[in-house]
N, C-alpha and C. Protein backbone atom coordinates (compact mmCIF):
# COMPACT_ATOMS: atom_id res chain seq x y z
N UNK A 1 0.16 -8.55 13.69
CA UNK A 1 -1.22 -8.95 13.72
C UNK A 1 -1.88 -8.51 12.41
N UNK A 2 -2.65 -9.40 11.81
CA UNK A 2 -3.32 -9.10 10.55
C UNK A 2 -4.71 -8.55 10.78
N UNK A 3 -5.09 -7.57 9.97
CA UNK A 3 -6.45 -7.07 9.97
C UNK A 3 -7.26 -7.80 8.92
N UNK A 4 -8.53 -7.48 8.84
CA UNK A 4 -9.40 -8.08 7.81
C UNK A 4 -9.00 -7.55 6.43
N UNK A 5 -9.12 -8.40 5.43
CA UNK A 5 -8.79 -8.00 4.06
C UNK A 5 -9.70 -6.87 3.61
N UNK A 6 -9.13 -5.91 2.91
CA UNK A 6 -9.88 -4.80 2.32
C UNK A 6 -9.99 -5.10 0.83
N UNK A 7 -11.22 -5.23 0.34
CA UNK A 7 -11.42 -5.61 -1.06
C UNK A 7 -12.15 -4.50 -1.80
N UNK A 8 -11.78 -4.34 -3.06
CA UNK A 8 -12.36 -3.29 -3.88
C UNK A 8 -12.33 -3.71 -5.34
N UNK A 9 -13.37 -3.32 -6.09
CA UNK A 9 -13.41 -3.53 -7.54
C UNK A 9 -13.71 -2.19 -8.19
N UNK A 10 -12.88 -1.82 -9.16
CA UNK A 10 -13.02 -0.53 -9.83
C UNK A 10 -14.16 -0.56 -10.83
N UNK A 11 -14.45 0.61 -11.37
CA UNK A 11 -15.32 0.70 -12.53
C UNK A 11 -14.56 0.24 -13.77
N UNK A 12 -15.25 0.14 -14.89
CA UNK A 12 -14.62 -0.23 -16.16
C UNK A 12 -14.32 1.04 -16.94
N UNK A 13 -13.09 1.13 -17.46
CA UNK A 13 -12.64 2.35 -18.12
C UNK A 13 -12.04 2.04 -19.48
N UNK A 14 -12.30 2.94 -20.42
CA UNK A 14 -11.74 2.87 -21.77
C UNK A 14 -10.33 3.45 -21.71
N UNK A 15 -9.37 2.71 -22.22
CA UNK A 15 -7.98 3.16 -22.18
C UNK A 15 -7.42 3.20 -23.59
N UNK A 16 -6.63 4.25 -23.86
CA UNK A 16 -5.98 4.38 -25.17
C UNK A 16 -4.72 5.22 -24.99
N UNK A 17 -4.19 5.75 -26.07
CA UNK A 17 -2.96 6.53 -25.99
C UNK A 17 -3.12 7.88 -25.34
N UNK A 18 -4.35 8.34 -25.15
CA UNK A 18 -4.58 9.67 -24.57
C UNK A 18 -4.98 9.63 -23.10
N UNK A 19 -5.22 8.46 -22.55
CA UNK A 19 -5.67 8.39 -21.16
C UNK A 19 -4.49 8.51 -20.21
N UNK A 20 -4.81 8.87 -18.99
CA UNK A 20 -3.81 8.91 -17.93
C UNK A 20 -4.47 8.42 -16.65
N UNK A 21 -4.99 9.33 -15.82
CA UNK A 21 -5.66 8.89 -14.60
C UNK A 21 -7.02 8.31 -14.98
N UNK A 22 -7.23 7.06 -14.60
CA UNK A 22 -8.49 6.40 -14.90
C UNK A 22 -9.49 6.55 -13.75
N UNK A 23 -8.98 6.50 -12.51
CA UNK A 23 -9.89 6.53 -11.36
C UNK A 23 -9.12 6.96 -10.12
N UNK A 24 -9.79 7.73 -9.28
CA UNK A 24 -9.29 8.05 -7.94
C UNK A 24 -10.40 7.66 -6.98
N UNK A 25 -10.08 6.76 -6.05
CA UNK A 25 -11.12 6.24 -5.17
C UNK A 25 -10.56 6.01 -3.77
N UNK A 26 -11.33 6.41 -2.75
CA UNK A 26 -10.99 6.10 -1.36
C UNK A 26 -11.92 5.00 -0.88
N UNK A 27 -11.34 4.00 -0.23
CA UNK A 27 -12.13 2.85 0.23
C UNK A 27 -11.49 2.30 1.51
N UNK A 28 -12.21 2.36 2.60
CA UNK A 28 -11.81 1.81 3.90
C UNK A 28 -10.39 2.23 4.32
N UNK A 29 -10.11 3.52 4.19
CA UNK A 29 -8.83 4.05 4.65
C UNK A 29 -7.71 4.02 3.63
N UNK A 30 -8.00 3.51 2.42
CA UNK A 30 -6.99 3.47 1.36
C UNK A 30 -7.47 4.31 0.19
N UNK A 31 -6.68 5.31 -0.17
CA UNK A 31 -6.97 6.10 -1.37
C UNK A 31 -6.07 5.58 -2.48
N UNK A 32 -6.66 5.27 -3.63
CA UNK A 32 -5.91 4.72 -4.75
C UNK A 32 -6.14 5.56 -5.99
N UNK A 33 -5.05 6.01 -6.60
CA UNK A 33 -5.11 6.70 -7.89
C UNK A 33 -4.61 5.70 -8.93
N UNK A 34 -5.50 5.32 -9.86
CA UNK A 34 -5.18 4.33 -10.88
C UNK A 34 -4.97 5.04 -12.21
N UNK A 35 -3.82 4.82 -12.82
CA UNK A 35 -3.49 5.42 -14.11
C UNK A 35 -3.19 4.33 -15.12
N UNK A 36 -3.49 4.63 -16.38
CA UNK A 36 -3.18 3.68 -17.44
C UNK A 36 -3.07 4.37 -18.77
N UNK A 37 -2.17 3.87 -19.60
CA UNK A 37 -1.94 4.48 -20.90
C UNK A 37 -1.37 3.44 -21.86
N UNK A 38 -1.73 3.58 -23.14
CA UNK A 38 -1.12 2.77 -24.19
C UNK A 38 -0.16 3.70 -24.93
N UNK A 39 1.14 3.60 -24.67
CA UNK A 39 2.10 4.52 -25.30
C UNK A 39 2.45 4.08 -26.72
N UNK A 40 2.95 5.01 -27.51
CA UNK A 40 3.50 4.72 -28.84
C UNK A 40 2.56 3.90 -29.72
N UNK A 41 1.36 4.40 -29.93
CA UNK A 41 0.38 3.69 -30.74
C UNK A 41 0.82 3.70 -32.21
N UNK A 42 0.82 2.51 -32.80
CA UNK A 42 1.14 2.34 -34.22
C UNK A 42 0.23 1.26 -34.78
N UNK A 43 -0.22 1.43 -36.00
CA UNK A 43 -1.16 0.49 -36.62
C UNK A 43 -0.55 -0.90 -36.75
N UNK A 44 0.74 -1.01 -36.94
CA UNK A 44 1.37 -2.29 -37.25
C UNK A 44 2.11 -2.93 -36.08
N UNK A 45 1.96 -2.42 -34.89
CA UNK A 45 2.77 -2.95 -33.80
C UNK A 45 1.93 -3.60 -32.71
N UNK A 46 2.60 -4.43 -31.94
CA UNK A 46 2.04 -5.03 -30.74
C UNK A 46 2.05 -3.93 -29.68
N UNK A 47 1.00 -3.81 -28.93
CA UNK A 47 0.87 -2.71 -27.97
C UNK A 47 1.04 -3.21 -26.55
N UNK A 48 1.31 -2.28 -25.68
CA UNK A 48 1.33 -2.59 -24.26
C UNK A 48 0.58 -1.49 -23.52
N UNK A 49 0.08 -1.86 -22.36
CA UNK A 49 -0.58 -0.90 -21.48
C UNK A 49 0.33 -0.71 -20.27
N UNK A 50 0.58 0.54 -19.91
CA UNK A 50 1.30 0.86 -18.67
C UNK A 50 0.26 1.17 -17.60
N UNK A 51 0.28 0.43 -16.51
CA UNK A 51 -0.63 0.68 -15.38
C UNK A 51 0.18 1.12 -14.17
N UNK A 52 -0.40 2.05 -13.41
CA UNK A 52 0.18 2.49 -12.15
C UNK A 52 -0.94 2.66 -11.13
N UNK A 53 -0.71 2.15 -9.93
CA UNK A 53 -1.60 2.37 -8.79
C UNK A 53 -0.78 3.08 -7.72
N UNK A 54 -1.27 4.23 -7.26
CA UNK A 54 -0.59 4.96 -6.19
C UNK A 54 -1.49 4.90 -4.96
N UNK A 55 -0.96 4.34 -3.88
CA UNK A 55 -1.75 4.10 -2.67
C UNK A 55 -1.38 5.08 -1.57
N UNK A 56 -2.39 5.80 -1.08
CA UNK A 56 -2.26 6.67 0.08
C UNK A 56 -3.02 5.97 1.20
N UNK A 57 -2.29 5.45 2.18
CA UNK A 57 -2.92 4.72 3.29
C UNK A 57 -2.52 5.33 4.63
N UNK A 58 -2.33 6.65 4.63
CA UNK A 58 -1.94 7.36 5.84
C UNK A 58 -2.97 7.20 6.96
N UNK A 59 -4.27 7.14 6.62
CA UNK A 59 -5.30 6.94 7.65
C UNK A 59 -5.08 5.63 8.39
N UNK A 60 -4.73 4.58 7.66
CA UNK A 60 -4.48 3.29 8.30
C UNK A 60 -3.18 3.32 9.10
N UNK A 61 -2.17 4.00 8.58
CA UNK A 61 -0.90 4.11 9.31
C UNK A 61 -1.14 4.78 10.66
N UNK A 62 -2.01 5.80 10.68
CA UNK A 62 -2.33 6.49 11.93
C UNK A 62 -3.10 5.60 12.90
N UNK A 63 -3.64 4.48 12.40
CA UNK A 63 -4.36 3.53 13.25
C UNK A 63 -3.47 2.35 13.65
N UNK A 64 -2.16 2.43 13.37
CA UNK A 64 -1.23 1.39 13.79
C UNK A 64 -0.83 0.39 12.72
N UNK A 65 -1.26 0.60 11.48
CA UNK A 65 -0.86 -0.31 10.40
C UNK A 65 0.55 0.06 9.97
N UNK A 66 1.44 -0.96 9.88
CA UNK A 66 2.80 -0.64 9.45
C UNK A 66 3.14 -1.20 8.07
N UNK A 67 2.29 -2.05 7.50
CA UNK A 67 2.44 -2.47 6.11
C UNK A 67 1.13 -3.08 5.62
N UNK A 68 0.99 -3.12 4.29
CA UNK A 68 -0.18 -3.71 3.65
C UNK A 68 0.32 -4.65 2.57
N UNK A 69 -0.24 -5.87 2.55
CA UNK A 69 0.13 -6.83 1.51
C UNK A 69 -1.13 -7.37 0.84
N UNK A 70 -0.96 -7.90 -0.35
CA UNK A 70 -2.09 -8.50 -1.05
C UNK A 70 -1.83 -8.59 -2.54
N UNK A 71 -2.93 -8.52 -3.31
CA UNK A 71 -2.84 -8.65 -4.75
C UNK A 71 -3.79 -7.69 -5.45
N UNK A 72 -3.34 -7.25 -6.62
CA UNK A 72 -4.19 -6.54 -7.56
C UNK A 72 -4.39 -7.48 -8.73
N UNK A 73 -5.61 -7.57 -9.24
CA UNK A 73 -5.87 -8.31 -10.47
C UNK A 73 -6.45 -7.32 -11.47
N UNK A 74 -5.79 -7.18 -12.61
CA UNK A 74 -6.26 -6.28 -13.66
C UNK A 74 -6.81 -7.15 -14.79
N UNK A 75 -7.98 -6.74 -15.31
CA UNK A 75 -8.68 -7.57 -16.29
C UNK A 75 -9.19 -6.73 -17.46
N UNK A 76 -9.39 -7.41 -18.57
CA UNK A 76 -10.02 -6.82 -19.75
C UNK A 76 -11.52 -7.04 -19.64
N UNK A 77 -12.31 -6.03 -19.94
CA UNK A 77 -13.76 -6.16 -19.88
C UNK A 77 -14.28 -7.13 -20.94
N UNK A 78 -13.54 -7.28 -22.06
CA UNK A 78 -13.97 -8.15 -23.15
C UNK A 78 -13.02 -9.34 -23.34
N UNK A 79 -12.27 -9.68 -22.29
CA UNK A 79 -11.36 -10.83 -22.30
C UNK A 79 -10.34 -10.79 -23.43
N UNK A 80 -9.87 -9.60 -23.77
CA UNK A 80 -8.82 -9.46 -24.79
C UNK A 80 -7.49 -9.97 -24.24
N UNK A 81 -7.27 -9.83 -22.94
CA UNK A 81 -6.09 -10.42 -22.31
C UNK A 81 -6.53 -11.13 -21.04
N UNK A 82 -5.70 -12.06 -20.61
CA UNK A 82 -5.99 -12.84 -19.40
C UNK A 82 -5.75 -11.95 -18.19
N UNK A 83 -6.62 -12.07 -17.20
CA UNK A 83 -6.43 -11.30 -15.97
C UNK A 83 -5.05 -11.57 -15.39
N UNK A 84 -4.41 -10.52 -14.93
CA UNK A 84 -3.05 -10.62 -14.43
C UNK A 84 -3.00 -10.23 -12.97
N UNK A 85 -2.35 -11.08 -12.14
CA UNK A 85 -2.18 -10.80 -10.72
C UNK A 85 -0.86 -10.08 -10.49
N UNK A 86 -0.93 -9.08 -9.64
CA UNK A 86 0.26 -8.33 -9.25
C UNK A 86 0.36 -8.39 -7.73
N UNK A 87 1.46 -8.91 -7.22
CA UNK A 87 1.67 -8.95 -5.78
C UNK A 87 1.99 -7.55 -5.27
N UNK A 88 1.44 -7.23 -4.10
CA UNK A 88 1.58 -5.89 -3.53
C UNK A 88 2.15 -6.00 -2.13
N UNK A 89 3.15 -5.18 -1.85
CA UNK A 89 3.65 -5.01 -0.48
C UNK A 89 3.92 -3.52 -0.30
N UNK A 90 3.07 -2.88 0.48
CA UNK A 90 3.18 -1.44 0.72
C UNK A 90 3.79 -1.22 2.10
N UNK A 91 4.93 -0.55 2.12
CA UNK A 91 5.58 -0.24 3.39
C UNK A 91 5.71 1.26 3.62
N UNK A 92 5.46 2.04 2.57
CA UNK A 92 5.53 3.50 2.65
C UNK A 92 4.22 4.09 2.13
N UNK A 93 3.84 5.23 2.66
CA UNK A 93 2.66 5.92 2.15
C UNK A 93 2.97 6.49 0.77
N UNK A 94 1.96 6.60 -0.07
CA UNK A 94 2.08 7.10 -1.45
C UNK A 94 3.03 6.26 -2.30
N UNK A 95 3.09 4.98 -1.99
CA UNK A 95 3.92 4.05 -2.76
C UNK A 95 3.19 3.67 -4.04
N UNK A 96 3.94 3.47 -5.13
CA UNK A 96 3.36 3.12 -6.42
C UNK A 96 3.65 1.66 -6.77
N UNK A 97 2.66 1.05 -7.42
CA UNK A 97 2.79 -0.29 -7.98
C UNK A 97 2.59 -0.13 -9.48
N UNK A 98 3.49 -0.67 -10.29
CA UNK A 98 3.38 -0.51 -11.74
C UNK A 98 3.51 -1.86 -12.43
N UNK A 99 2.91 -1.95 -13.62
CA UNK A 99 3.06 -3.14 -14.47
C UNK A 99 2.78 -2.75 -15.91
N UNK A 100 3.32 -3.51 -16.83
CA UNK A 100 3.04 -3.37 -18.26
C UNK A 100 2.38 -4.66 -18.73
N UNK A 101 1.39 -4.53 -19.61
CA UNK A 101 0.70 -5.71 -20.15
C UNK A 101 0.63 -5.59 -21.66
N UNK A 102 0.85 -6.69 -22.36
CA UNK A 102 0.76 -6.70 -23.81
C UNK A 102 -0.67 -6.88 -24.29
N UNK A 103 -1.03 -6.15 -25.34
CA UNK A 103 -2.34 -6.29 -25.99
C UNK A 103 -2.13 -6.21 -27.50
N UNK A 104 -3.13 -6.59 -28.26
CA UNK A 104 -2.98 -6.62 -29.72
C UNK A 104 -3.67 -5.46 -30.42
N UNK A 105 -4.41 -4.65 -29.70
CA UNK A 105 -5.06 -3.50 -30.35
C UNK A 105 -4.68 -2.22 -29.61
N UNK A 106 -5.15 -1.09 -30.09
CA UNK A 106 -4.72 0.18 -29.49
C UNK A 106 -5.79 0.83 -28.63
N UNK A 107 -6.77 0.07 -28.22
CA UNK A 107 -7.78 0.57 -27.30
C UNK A 107 -8.32 -0.61 -26.52
N UNK A 108 -8.76 -0.37 -25.31
CA UNK A 108 -9.21 -1.47 -24.46
C UNK A 108 -10.08 -0.93 -23.34
N UNK A 109 -11.00 -1.76 -22.86
CA UNK A 109 -11.77 -1.45 -21.65
C UNK A 109 -11.26 -2.36 -20.55
N UNK A 110 -10.89 -1.75 -19.43
CA UNK A 110 -10.23 -2.48 -18.36
C UNK A 110 -10.83 -2.13 -17.00
N UNK A 111 -10.58 -3.02 -16.04
CA UNK A 111 -10.92 -2.77 -14.65
C UNK A 111 -9.94 -3.55 -13.79
N UNK A 112 -9.93 -3.25 -12.50
CA UNK A 112 -9.07 -3.99 -11.59
C UNK A 112 -9.83 -4.24 -10.29
N UNK A 113 -9.30 -5.15 -9.53
CA UNK A 113 -9.80 -5.37 -8.18
C UNK A 113 -8.59 -5.67 -7.30
N UNK A 114 -8.74 -5.32 -6.02
CA UNK A 114 -7.64 -5.66 -5.12
C UNK A 114 -8.19 -6.29 -3.86
N UNK A 115 -7.32 -7.06 -3.23
CA UNK A 115 -7.54 -7.59 -1.90
C UNK A 115 -6.26 -7.30 -1.13
N UNK A 116 -6.36 -6.40 -0.17
CA UNK A 116 -5.18 -5.94 0.57
C UNK A 116 -5.40 -6.16 2.06
N UNK A 117 -4.39 -6.68 2.73
CA UNK A 117 -4.48 -7.00 4.15
C UNK A 117 -3.56 -6.08 4.94
N UNK A 118 -4.13 -5.32 5.89
CA UNK A 118 -3.29 -4.48 6.74
C UNK A 118 -2.58 -5.32 7.81
N UNK A 119 -1.34 -4.98 8.08
CA UNK A 119 -0.56 -5.64 9.13
C UNK A 119 -0.33 -4.61 10.23
N UNK A 120 -0.81 -4.94 11.43
CA UNK A 120 -0.68 -4.04 12.57
C UNK A 120 0.55 -4.42 13.38
N UNK A 121 1.19 -3.42 13.97
CA UNK A 121 2.28 -3.68 14.89
C UNK A 121 1.68 -4.41 16.08
N UNK A 122 2.24 -5.57 16.38
CA UNK A 122 1.69 -6.32 17.51
C UNK A 122 2.09 -5.63 18.81
N UNK A 123 1.29 -5.84 19.81
CA UNK A 123 1.50 -5.19 21.10
C UNK A 123 2.85 -5.60 21.67
N UNK A 124 3.27 -6.86 21.45
CA UNK A 124 4.55 -7.31 22.00
C UNK A 124 5.73 -6.60 21.35
N UNK A 125 5.56 -6.03 20.16
CA UNK A 125 6.64 -5.33 19.50
C UNK A 125 6.79 -3.89 20.00
N UNK A 126 5.77 -3.36 20.62
CA UNK A 126 5.86 -2.00 21.13
C UNK A 126 6.66 -2.02 22.43
N UNK A 127 7.54 -1.06 22.62
CA UNK A 127 8.38 -1.07 23.82
C UNK A 127 7.55 -0.82 25.08
N UNK A 128 7.91 -1.51 26.14
CA UNK A 128 7.29 -1.30 27.45
C UNK A 128 8.20 -0.38 28.24
N UNK A 129 7.79 0.87 28.37
CA UNK A 129 8.62 1.84 29.07
C UNK A 129 8.69 1.54 30.57
N UNK A 130 7.65 0.92 31.12
CA UNK A 130 7.69 0.54 32.53
C UNK A 130 8.81 -0.47 32.76
N UNK A 131 8.91 -1.47 31.86
CA UNK A 131 9.97 -2.47 31.99
C UNK A 131 11.34 -1.87 31.67
N UNK A 132 11.39 -1.01 30.68
CA UNK A 132 12.65 -0.44 30.23
C UNK A 132 13.29 0.42 31.33
N UNK A 133 12.46 1.13 32.11
CA UNK A 133 12.98 2.04 33.12
C UNK A 133 12.66 1.58 34.54
N UNK A 134 12.43 0.27 34.71
CA UNK A 134 12.17 -0.30 36.04
C UNK A 134 13.49 -0.38 36.81
N UNK A 135 13.40 -0.44 38.15
CA UNK A 135 14.63 -0.59 38.94
C UNK A 135 15.34 -1.89 38.59
N UNK A 136 16.67 -1.83 38.51
CA UNK A 136 17.47 -3.04 38.27
C UNK A 136 18.87 -2.80 38.82
N UNK A 137 19.67 -3.87 38.88
CA UNK A 137 21.03 -3.73 39.39
C UNK A 137 21.94 -2.98 38.42
N UNK A 138 21.50 -2.75 37.18
CA UNK A 138 22.28 -1.98 36.21
C UNK A 138 22.00 -0.47 36.32
N UNK A 139 20.91 -0.12 36.99
CA UNK A 139 20.53 1.29 37.13
C UNK A 139 20.96 1.78 38.50
N UNK A 140 21.57 2.96 38.54
CA UNK A 140 22.06 3.48 39.82
C UNK A 140 21.58 4.89 40.13
N UNK A 141 20.66 5.42 39.33
CA UNK A 141 20.12 6.75 39.62
C UNK A 141 18.69 6.83 39.09
N UNK A 142 17.97 7.85 39.52
CA UNK A 142 16.58 8.03 39.11
C UNK A 142 16.43 9.41 38.47
N UNK A 143 15.84 9.43 37.29
CA UNK A 143 15.45 10.69 36.65
C UNK A 143 13.95 10.85 36.83
N UNK A 144 13.51 12.06 37.07
CA UNK A 144 12.07 12.31 37.16
C UNK A 144 11.69 13.17 35.97
N UNK A 145 10.83 12.62 35.10
CA UNK A 145 10.39 13.30 33.89
C UNK A 145 8.87 13.33 33.90
N UNK A 146 8.31 14.52 33.85
CA UNK A 146 6.85 14.69 33.91
C UNK A 146 6.23 13.91 35.07
N UNK A 147 6.91 13.91 36.20
CA UNK A 147 6.39 13.25 37.39
C UNK A 147 6.58 11.75 37.41
N UNK A 148 7.23 11.18 36.41
CA UNK A 148 7.46 9.73 36.36
C UNK A 148 8.92 9.44 36.71
N UNK A 149 9.12 8.38 37.51
CA UNK A 149 10.47 7.98 37.89
C UNK A 149 11.03 7.04 36.83
N UNK A 150 12.20 7.40 36.32
CA UNK A 150 12.89 6.57 35.34
C UNK A 150 14.21 6.13 35.96
N UNK A 151 14.36 4.83 36.16
CA UNK A 151 15.58 4.28 36.73
C UNK A 151 16.58 4.10 35.60
N UNK A 152 17.72 4.81 35.70
CA UNK A 152 18.72 4.80 34.63
C UNK A 152 20.11 4.66 35.23
N UNK A 153 21.09 4.51 34.36
CA UNK A 153 22.49 4.48 34.75
C UNK A 153 23.01 5.91 34.77
N UNK A 154 23.92 6.23 35.67
CA UNK A 154 24.44 7.60 35.79
C UNK A 154 25.02 8.13 34.49
N UNK A 155 25.49 7.26 33.64
CA UNK A 155 26.13 7.73 32.41
C UNK A 155 25.15 8.42 31.48
N UNK A 156 23.83 8.22 31.63
CA UNK A 156 22.86 8.90 30.78
C UNK A 156 22.25 10.11 31.46
N UNK A 157 22.52 10.30 32.74
CA UNK A 157 21.91 11.44 33.44
C UNK A 157 22.76 12.67 33.39
């Protein structure tokens, strides 16, 4: 089952060879640490920006979310590079998404936005313990656990 999309737009940040963490922000159960750096700055070379987003979505996992999908779009504040979409599929907490982007200068102002959709475990996927331990012709004994009768096969008792 899909939840409503969670959307966020970051502030605009100056990035160069000395930057690292650009922003840490919590929004609707998702904490995101955004890092960016322009490594190996040289006057005569084509540059790239290394971006990393680290997502902590443990709050959503505790609410039944088992994965998050969507997109991040990273943009230049002055249109030095075309906005780039990055597909996201988060299946583990504290998972990182990384990308490199080419630029022609050694400093830039950047921002990003994301649209992420939580996926909830559907009720039909959760096991029904009443059905699992109901009387049947395959079960030949009863276990009592915390006052509940569990119909099982003798081989497990």
